[in-house]
Amino acid sequence: MTEIILMSDPQVAAVPVQDCGDRLLDVREHELLLDGRRRDDAGAFAYLRSGVRELPARTG
């Protein structure tokens, strides 16, 4: 894959979202690097579905 699609891209916004029941984890408490440039007052920028956190890391 050579193309980078940003989260702010309309293609991403057009993907329907459904609640899968995963709890949300605050990544600041789970040793994950976080880019604070998108920080918001509510702290929503720092949450990730637990199922995503548990996926195996991909390399390459």
PDB file of N, CA and C in Angstrom:
ATOM      1  N   MET A   1       0.847  -1.173   0.000  1.00  0.00           N
ATOM      2  CA  MET A   1       0.000   0.000   0.000  1.00  0.00           C
ATOM      3  C   MET A   1       0.894   1.238   0.000  1.00  0.00           C
ATOM      4  N   THR A   2       0.701   2.098  -0.962  1.00  0.00           N
ATOM      5  CA  THR A   2       1.521   3.308  -1.035  1.00  0.00           C
ATOM      6  C   THR A   2       0.718   4.561  -0.730  1.00  0.00           C
ATOM      7  N   GLU A   3      -0.604   4.479  -0.818  1.00  0.00           N
ATOM      8  CA  GLU A   3      -1.445   5.636  -0.558  1.00  0.00           C
ATOM      9  C   GLU A   3      -1.760   5.735   0.928  1.00  0.00           C
ATOM     10  N   ILE A   4      -1.667   6.940   1.466  1.00  0.00           N
ATOM     11  CA  ILE A   4      -2.022   7.178   2.860  1.00  0.00           C
ATOM     12  C   ILE A   4      -3.369   7.893   2.879  1.00  0.00           C
ATOM     13  N   ILE A   5      -4.295   7.358   3.632  1.00  0.00           N
ATOM     14  CA  ILE A   5      -5.602   7.994   3.782  1.00  0.00           C
ATOM     15  C   ILE A   5      -5.711   8.491   5.214  1.00  0.00           C
ATOM     16  N   LEU A   6      -5.963   9.768   5.360  1.00  0.00           N
ATOM     17  CA  LEU A   6      -6.075  10.373   6.685  1.00  0.00           C
ATOM     18  C   LEU A   6      -7.444  10.109   7.293  1.00  0.00           C
ATOM     19  N   MET A   7      -7.500  10.072   8.619  1.00  0.00           N
ATOM     20  CA  MET A   7      -8.764   9.859   9.314  1.00  0.00           C
ATOM     21  C   MET A   7      -9.776  10.947   8.982  1.00  0.00           C
ATOM     22  N   SER A   8      -9.307  12.127   8.614  1.00  0.00           N
ATOM     23  CA  SER A   8     -10.204  13.232   8.287  1.00  0.00           C
ATOM     24  C   SER A   8     -10.731  13.151   6.851  1.00  0.00           C
ATOM     25  N   ASP A   9     -10.291  12.174   6.085  1.00  0.00           N
ATOM     26  CA  ASP A   9     -10.713  12.019   4.690  1.00  0.00           C
ATOM     27  C   ASP A   9     -12.195  11.641   4.626  1.00  0.00           C
ATOM     28  N   PRO A  10     -12.943  12.199   3.678  1.00  0.00           N
ATOM     29  CA  PRO A  10     -14.369  11.851   3.533  1.00  0.00           C
ATOM     30  C   PRO A  10     -14.602  10.355   3.316  1.00  0.00           C
ATOM     31  N   GLN A  11     -13.629   9.645   2.740  1.00  0.00           N
ATOM     32  CA  GLN A  11     -13.757   8.192   2.558  1.00  0.00           C
ATOM     33  C   GLN A  11     -13.896   7.495   3.913  1.00  0.00           C
ATOM     34  N   VAL A  12     -13.170   7.978   4.887  1.00  0.00           N
ATOM     35  CA  VAL A  12     -13.225   7.386   6.225  1.00  0.00           C
ATOM     36  C   VAL A  12     -14.546   7.754   6.899  1.00  0.00           C
ATOM     37  N   ALA A  13     -14.943   9.009   6.782  1.00  0.00           N
ATOM     38  CA  ALA A  13     -16.195   9.456   7.398  1.00  0.00           C
ATOM     39  C   ALA A  13     -17.404   8.740   6.812  1.00  0.00           C
ATOM     40  N   ALA A  14     -17.309   8.261   5.577  1.00  0.00           N
ATOM     41  CA  ALA A  14     -18.426   7.593   4.907  1.00  0.00           C
ATOM     42  C   ALA A  14     -18.613   6.146   5.361  1.00  0.00           C
ATOM     43  N   VAL A  15     -17.654   5.586   6.080  1.00  0.00           N
ATOM     44  CA  VAL A  15     -17.766   4.199   6.546  1.00  0.00           C
ATOM     45  C   VAL A  15     -18.767   4.143   7.700  1.00  0.00           C
ATOM     46  N   PRO A  16     -19.807   3.318   7.571  1.00  0.00           N
ATOM     47  CA  PRO A  16     -20.798   3.239   8.652  1.00  0.00           C
ATOM     48  C   PRO A  16     -20.171   2.664   9.929  1.00  0.00           C
ATOM     49  N   VAL A  17     -20.612   3.170  11.051  1.00  0.00           N
ATOM     50  CA  VAL A  17     -20.075   2.745  12.345  1.00  0.00           C
ATOM     51  C   VAL A  17     -21.156   1.992  13.102  1.00  0.00           C
ATOM     52  N   GLN A  18     -20.777   0.830  13.646  1.00  0.00           N
ATOM     53  CA  GLN A  18     -21.682   0.035  14.473  1.00  0.00           C
ATOM     54  C   GLN A  18     -20.977  -0.298  15.772  1.00  0.00           C
ATOM     55  N   ASP A  19     -21.698  -0.236  16.854  1.00  0.00           N
ATOM     56  CA  ASP A  19     -21.133  -0.601  18.149  1.00  0.00           C
ATOM     57  C   ASP A  19     -20.939  -2.112  18.188  1.00  0.00           C
ATOM     58  N   CYS A  20     -19.723  -2.556  18.469  1.00  0.00           N
ATOM     59  CA  CYS A  20     -19.436  -3.992  18.521  1.00  0.00           C
ATOM     60  C   CYS A  20     -19.376  -4.505  19.962  1.00  0.00           C
ATOM     61  N   GLY A  21     -19.571  -3.611  20.915  1.00  0.00           N
ATOM     62  CA  GLY A  21     -19.585  -4.023  22.308  1.00  0.00           C
ATOM     63  C   GLY A  21     -18.228  -4.014  22.987  1.00  0.00           C
ATOM     64  N   ASP A  22     -17.147  -3.765  22.232  1.00  0.00           N
ATOM     65  CA  ASP A  22     -15.820  -3.684  22.856  1.00  0.00           C
ATOM     66  C   ASP A  22     -15.787  -2.518  23.841  1.00  0.00           C
ATOM     67  N   ARG A  23     -15.141  -2.737  24.959  1.00  0.00           N
ATOM     68  CA  ARG A  23     -14.961  -1.613  25.885  1.00  0.00           C
ATOM     69  C   ARG A  23     -13.857  -0.715  25.339  1.00  0.00           C
ATOM     70  N   LEU A  24     -13.855   0.518  25.761  1.00  0.00           N
ATOM     71  CA  LEU A  24     -12.838   1.465  25.325  1.00  0.00           C
ATOM     72  C   LEU A  24     -11.723   1.529  26.357  1.00  0.00           C
ATOM     73  N   LEU A  25     -10.488   1.540  25.864  1.00  0.00           N
ATOM     74  CA  LEU A  25      -9.312   1.641  26.727  1.00  0.00           C
ATOM     75  C   LEU A  25      -8.655   2.999  26.539  1.00  0.00           C
ATOM     76  N   ASP A  26      -8.188   3.574  27.613  1.00  0.00           N
ATOM     77  CA  ASP A  26      -7.400   4.799  27.534  1.00  0.00           C
ATOM     78  C   ASP A  26      -5.971   4.373  27.214  1.00  0.00           C
ATOM     79  N   VAL A  27      -5.513   4.648  25.992  1.00  0.00           N
ATOM     80  CA  VAL A  27      -4.194   4.171  25.571  1.00  0.00           C
ATOM     81  C   VAL A  27      -3.061   4.779  26.384  1.00  0.00           C
ATOM     82  N   ARG A  28      -3.332   5.883  27.053  1.00  0.00           N
ATOM     83  CA  ARG A  28      -2.283   6.495  27.894  1.00  0.00           C
ATOM     84  C   ARG A  28      -1.927   5.587  29.062  1.00  0.00           C
ATOM     85  N   GLU A  29      -2.802   4.630  29.387  1.00  0.00           N
ATOM     86  CA  GLU A  29      -2.567   3.702  30.496  1.00  0.00           C
ATOM     87  C   GLU A  29      -2.052   2.352  30.012  1.00  0.00           C
ATOM     88  N   HIS A  30      -1.800   2.199  28.710  1.00  0.00           N
ATOM     89  CA  HIS A  30      -1.437   0.898  28.158  1.00  0.00           C
ATOM     90  C   HIS A  30      -0.155   0.940  27.332  1.00  0.00           C
ATOM     91  N   GLU A  31       0.735   1.834  27.646  1.00  0.00           N
ATOM     92  CA  GLU A  31       2.062   1.897  27.035  1.00  0.00           C
ATOM     93  C   GLU A  31       2.033   1.981  25.511  1.00  0.00           C
ATOM     94  N   LEU A  32       1.068   2.695  24.957  1.00  0.00           N
ATOM     95  CA  LEU A  32       1.029   2.930  23.522  1.00  0.00           C
ATOM     96  C   LEU A  32       1.413   4.372  23.251  1.00  0.00           C
ATOM     97  N   LEU A  33       2.127   4.595  22.173  1.00  0.00           N
ATOM     98  CA  LEU A  33       2.498   5.954  21.812  1.00  0.00           C
ATOM     99  C   LEU A  33       1.275   6.685  21.286  1.00  0.00           C
ATOM    100  N   LEU A  34       1.189   7.952  21.599  1.00  0.00           N
ATOM    101  CA  LEU A  34       0.027   8.737  21.235  1.00  0.00           C
ATOM    102  C   LEU A  34       0.477  10.101  20.759  1.00  0.00           C
ATOM    103  N   ASP A  35      -0.055  10.532  19.642  1.00  0.00           N
ATOM    104  CA  ASP A  35       0.244  11.852  19.101  1.00  0.00           C
ATOM    105  C   ASP A  35      -0.737  12.841  19.720  1.00  0.00           C
ATOM    106  N   GLY A  36      -0.254  13.694  20.575  1.00  0.00           N
ATOM    107  CA  GLY A  36      -1.094  14.635  21.305  1.00  0.00           C
ATOM    108  C   GLY A  36      -1.588  15.818  20.498  1.00  0.00           C
ATOM    109  N   ARG A  37      -1.230  15.911  19.219  1.00  0.00           N
ATOM    110  CA  ARG A  37      -1.670  17.061  18.423  1.00  0.00           C
ATOM    111  C   ARG A  37      -3.176  17.098  18.232  1.00  0.00           C
ATOM    112  N   ARG A  38      -3.845  15.978  18.378  1.00  0.00           N
ATOM    113  CA  ARG A  38      -5.308  15.926  18.236  1.00  0.00           C
ATOM    114  C   ARG A  38      -6.009  15.909  19.602  1.00  0.00           C
ATOM    115  N   ARG A  39      -5.275  16.272  20.629  1.00  0.00           N
ATOM    116  CA  ARG A  39      -5.802  16.258  21.990  1.00  0.00           C
ATOM    117  C   ARG A  39      -7.078  17.111  22.070  1.00  0.00           C
ATOM    118  N   ASP A  40      -8.048  16.617  22.828  1.00  0.00           N
ATOM    119  CA  ASP A  40      -9.277  17.371  23.061  1.00  0.00           C
ATOM    120  C   ASP A  40      -9.526  17.443  24.564  1.00  0.00           C
ATOM    121  N   ASP A  41     -10.353  18.378  24.982  1.00  0.00           N
ATOM    122  CA  ASP A  41     -10.596  18.590  26.409  1.00  0.00           C
ATOM    123  C   ASP A  41     -11.216  17.379  27.096  1.00  0.00           C
ATOM    124  N   ALA A  42     -12.025  16.612  26.360  1.00  0.00           N
ATOM    125  CA  ALA A  42     -12.692  15.449  26.953  1.00  0.00           C
ATOM    126  C   ALA A  42     -11.772  14.228  27.029  1.00  0.00           C
ATOM    127  N   GLY A  43     -10.643  14.263  26.342  1.00  0.00           N
ATOM    128  CA  GLY A  43      -9.726  13.129  26.345  1.00  0.00           C
ATOM    129  C   GLY A  43     -10.132  12.015  25.396  1.00  0.00           C
ATOM    130  N   ALA A  44     -11.128  12.260  24.545  1.00  0.00           N
ATOM    131  CA  ALA A  44     -11.617  11.223  23.630  1.00  0.00           C
ATOM    132  C   ALA A  44     -10.544  10.773  22.642  1.00  0.00           C
ATOM    133  N   PHE A  45      -9.554  11.603  22.384  1.00  0.00           N
ATOM    134  CA  PHE A  45      -8.484  11.266  21.437  1.00  0.00           C
ATOM    135  C   PHE A  45      -7.678  10.064  21.899  1.00  0.00           C
ATOM    136  N   ALA A  46      -7.753   9.720  23.152  1.00  0.00           N
ATOM    137  CA  ALA A  46      -6.877   8.707  23.726  1.00  0.00           C
ATOM    138  C   ALA A  46      -7.550   7.350  23.927  1.00  0.00           C
ATOM    139  N   TYR A  47      -8.735   7.157  23.357  1.00  0.00           N
ATOM    140  CA  TYR A  47      -9.444   5.896  23.562  1.00  0.00           C
ATOM    141  C   TYR A  47      -9.415   5.020  22.321  1.00  0.00           C
ATOM    142  N   LEU A  48      -9.306   3.730  22.568  1.00  0.00           N
ATOM    143  CA  LEU A  48      -9.198   2.734  21.517  1.00  0.00           C
ATOM    144  C   LEU A  48     -10.038   1.522  21.928  1.00  0.00           C
ATOM    145  N   ARG A  49     -10.708   0.902  20.962  1.00  0.00           N
ATOM    146  CA  ARG A  49     -11.457  -0.319  21.268  1.00  0.00           C
ATOM    147  C   ARG A  49     -10.508  -1.391  21.784  1.00  0.00           C
ATOM    148  N   SER A  50     -10.907  -2.107  22.795  1.00  0.00           N
ATOM    149  CA  SER A  50     -10.047  -3.138  23.377  1.00  0.00           C
ATOM    150  C   SER A  50      -9.681  -4.211  22.356  1.00  0.00           C
ATOM    151  N   GLY A  51     -10.569  -4.545  21.434  1.00  0.00           N
ATOM    152  CA  GLY A  51     -10.281  -5.545  20.412  1.00  0.00           C
ATOM    153  C   GLY A  51      -9.153  -5.123  19.495  1.00  0.00           C
ATOM    154  N   VAL A  52      -9.039  -3.850  19.231  1.00  0.00           N
ATOM    155  CA  VAL A  52      -7.946  -3.343  18.397  1.00  0.00           C
ATOM    156  C   VAL A  52      -6.630  -3.446  19.161  1.00  0.00           C
ATOM    157  N   ARG A  53      -6.653  -3.151  20.415  1.00  0.00           N
ATOM    158  CA  ARG A  53      -5.440  -3.220  21.247  1.00  0.00           C
ATOM    159  C   ARG A  53      -4.905  -4.645  21.301  1.00  0.00           C
ATOM    160  N   GLU A  54      -5.787  -5.622  21.238  1.00  0.00           N
ATOM    161  CA  GLU A  54      -5.395  -7.019  21.376  1.00  0.00           C
ATOM    162  C   GLU A  54      -4.968  -7.671  20.072  1.00  0.00           C
ATOM    163  N   LEU A  55      -5.088  -6.961  18.939  1.00  0.00           N
ATOM    164  CA  LEU A  55      -4.657  -7.509  17.657  1.00  0.00           C
ATOM    165  C   LEU A  55      -3.151  -7.686  17.644  1.00  0.00           C
ATOM    166  N   PRO A  56      -2.658  -8.698  16.956  1.00  0.00           N
ATOM    167  CA  PRO A  56      -1.195  -8.857  16.851  1.00  0.00           C
ATOM    168  C   PRO A  56      -0.587  -7.709  16.050  1.00  0.00           C
ATOM    169  N   ALA A  57       0.596  -7.313  16.428  1.00  0.00           N
ATOM    170  CA  ALA A  57       1.297  -6.229  15.723  1.00  0.00           C
ATOM    171  C   ALA A  57       1.688  -6.691  14.323  1.00  0.00           C
ATOM    172  N   ARG A  58       1.539  -5.806  13.358  1.00  0.00           N
ATOM    173  CA  ARG A  58       1.965  -6.116  11.983  1.00  0.00           C
ATOM    174  C   ARG A  58       3.260  -5.385  11.687  1.00  0.00           C
ATOM    175  N   THR A  59       4.135  -6.032  11.010  1.00  0.00           N
ATOM    176  CA  THR A  59       5.393  -5.400  10.624  1.00  0.00           C
ATOM    177  C   THR A  59       5.504  -5.409   9.104  1.00  0.00           C
ATOM    178  N   GLY A  60       6.214  -4.403   8.594  1.00  0.00           N
ATOM    179  CA  GLY A  60       6.452  -4.369   7.167  1.00  0.00           C
ATOM    180  C   GLY A  60       5.486  -3.632   6.427  1.00  0.00           C
TER     181      GLY A  60
END
